[in-house]
Amino acid sequence: MPVYYCPDCGGELRYELNTKLYVCKACGRVYEFEELKTTRERFLKSVMESDEEKKKRQRREVVKWWLGKKSEGE
């Protein structure tokens, strides 16, 4: 069985067979498998993002921020 780690604190997760939930040994946070899967996919996507994709995303965020500031000033 694979070992999973808590997205919040990095502690090892223990699978509880009776509840079918993962419980962090360190902080006590409880996760369903789908929640862990989604969190892991999001993390991997952010890590795998290329430098060019990061620059494009940052530009979009700056433009969005700038346009928001312009509309507040009107």
Protein backbone atom coordinates (compact mmCIF):
# COMPACT_ATOMS: atom_id res chain seq x y z
CA MET A 1 0.00 0.00 0.00
CA PRO A 2 1.44 3.41 -0.95
CA VAL A 3 2.33 5.90 1.77
CA TYR A 4 0.50 9.23 1.63
CA TYR A 5 1.52 12.44 3.35
CA CYS A 6 -0.63 15.24 4.74
CA PRO A 7 -0.89 18.24 2.39
CA ASP A 8 -1.16 20.54 5.43
CA CYS A 9 1.74 19.47 7.64
CA GLY A 10 3.62 16.75 5.74
CA GLY A 11 2.90 14.09 8.37
CA GLU A 12 2.26 10.49 7.38
CA LEU A 13 -1.36 9.55 6.74
CA ARG A 14 -2.85 6.38 8.21
CA TYR A 15 -5.76 4.67 6.43
CA GLU A 16 -8.69 3.88 8.70
CA LEU A 17 -10.40 0.80 7.28
CA ASN A 18 -13.66 1.19 9.23
CA THR A 19 -14.25 4.81 8.07
CA LYS A 20 -12.36 4.56 4.75
CA LEU A 21 -10.61 7.83 5.53
CA TYR A 22 -6.99 8.90 5.78
CA VAL A 23 -5.97 10.46 9.09
CA CYS A 24 -2.75 12.43 9.60
CA LYS A 25 -0.65 11.00 12.41
CA ALA A 26 0.85 14.43 13.14
CA CYS A 27 -2.01 16.96 12.96
CA GLY A 28 -5.09 14.71 12.98
CA ARG A 29 -6.59 16.13 9.77
CA VAL A 30 -8.93 13.72 7.97
CA TYR A 31 -9.04 13.23 4.19
CA GLU A 32 -11.11 11.24 1.75
CA PHE A 33 -9.17 9.57 -1.05
CA GLU A 34 -10.67 11.84 -3.74
CA GLU A 35 -9.56 14.92 -1.79
CA LEU A 36 -6.00 13.58 -1.60
CA LYS A 37 -6.05 12.72 -5.29
CA THR A 38 -7.24 16.22 -6.27
CA THR A 39 -4.68 17.90 -4.01
CA ARG A 40 -1.87 15.77 -5.44
CA GLU A 41 -2.91 16.51 -9.04
CA ARG A 42 -2.98 20.25 -8.33
CA PHE A 43 0.45 20.08 -6.71
CA LEU A 44 1.97 18.09 -9.57
CA LYS A 45 0.48 20.47 -12.13
CA SER A 46 2.04 23.47 -10.37
CA VAL A 47 5.43 21.73 -10.11
CA MET A 48 5.38 20.62 -13.74
CA GLU A 49 4.44 24.07 -15.02
CA SER A 50 7.14 25.30 -17.40
CA ASP A 51 8.86 28.65 -16.98
CA GLU A 52 7.03 30.02 -20.02
CA GLU A 53 3.67 28.91 -18.61
CA LYS A 54 4.53 30.56 -15.27
CA LYS A 55 5.37 33.83 -17.04
CA LYS A 56 2.10 33.73 -19.00
CA ARG A 57 0.10 33.03 -15.85
CA GLN A 58 1.86 35.85 -13.97
CA ARG A 59 1.19 38.27 -16.84
CA ARG A 60 -2.51 37.34 -16.82
CA GLU A 61 -2.65 37.91 -13.05
CA VAL A 62 -0.99 41.34 -13.37
CA VAL A 63 -3.36 42.39 -16.17
CA LYS A 64 -6.35 41.19 -14.15
CA TRP A 65 -5.08 43.13 -11.12
CA TRP A 66 -4.41 46.26 -13.22
CA LEU A 67 -7.84 46.20 -14.83
CA GLY A 68 -9.43 45.77 -11.40
CA LYS A 69 -7.54 48.81 -10.10
CA LYS A 70 -8.56 50.88 -13.15
CA SER A 71 -12.26 50.08 -12.66
CA GLU A 72 -12.04 51.02 -8.95
CA GLY A 73 -10.62 54.44 -9.86
CA GLU A 74 -13.47 55.35 -12.21
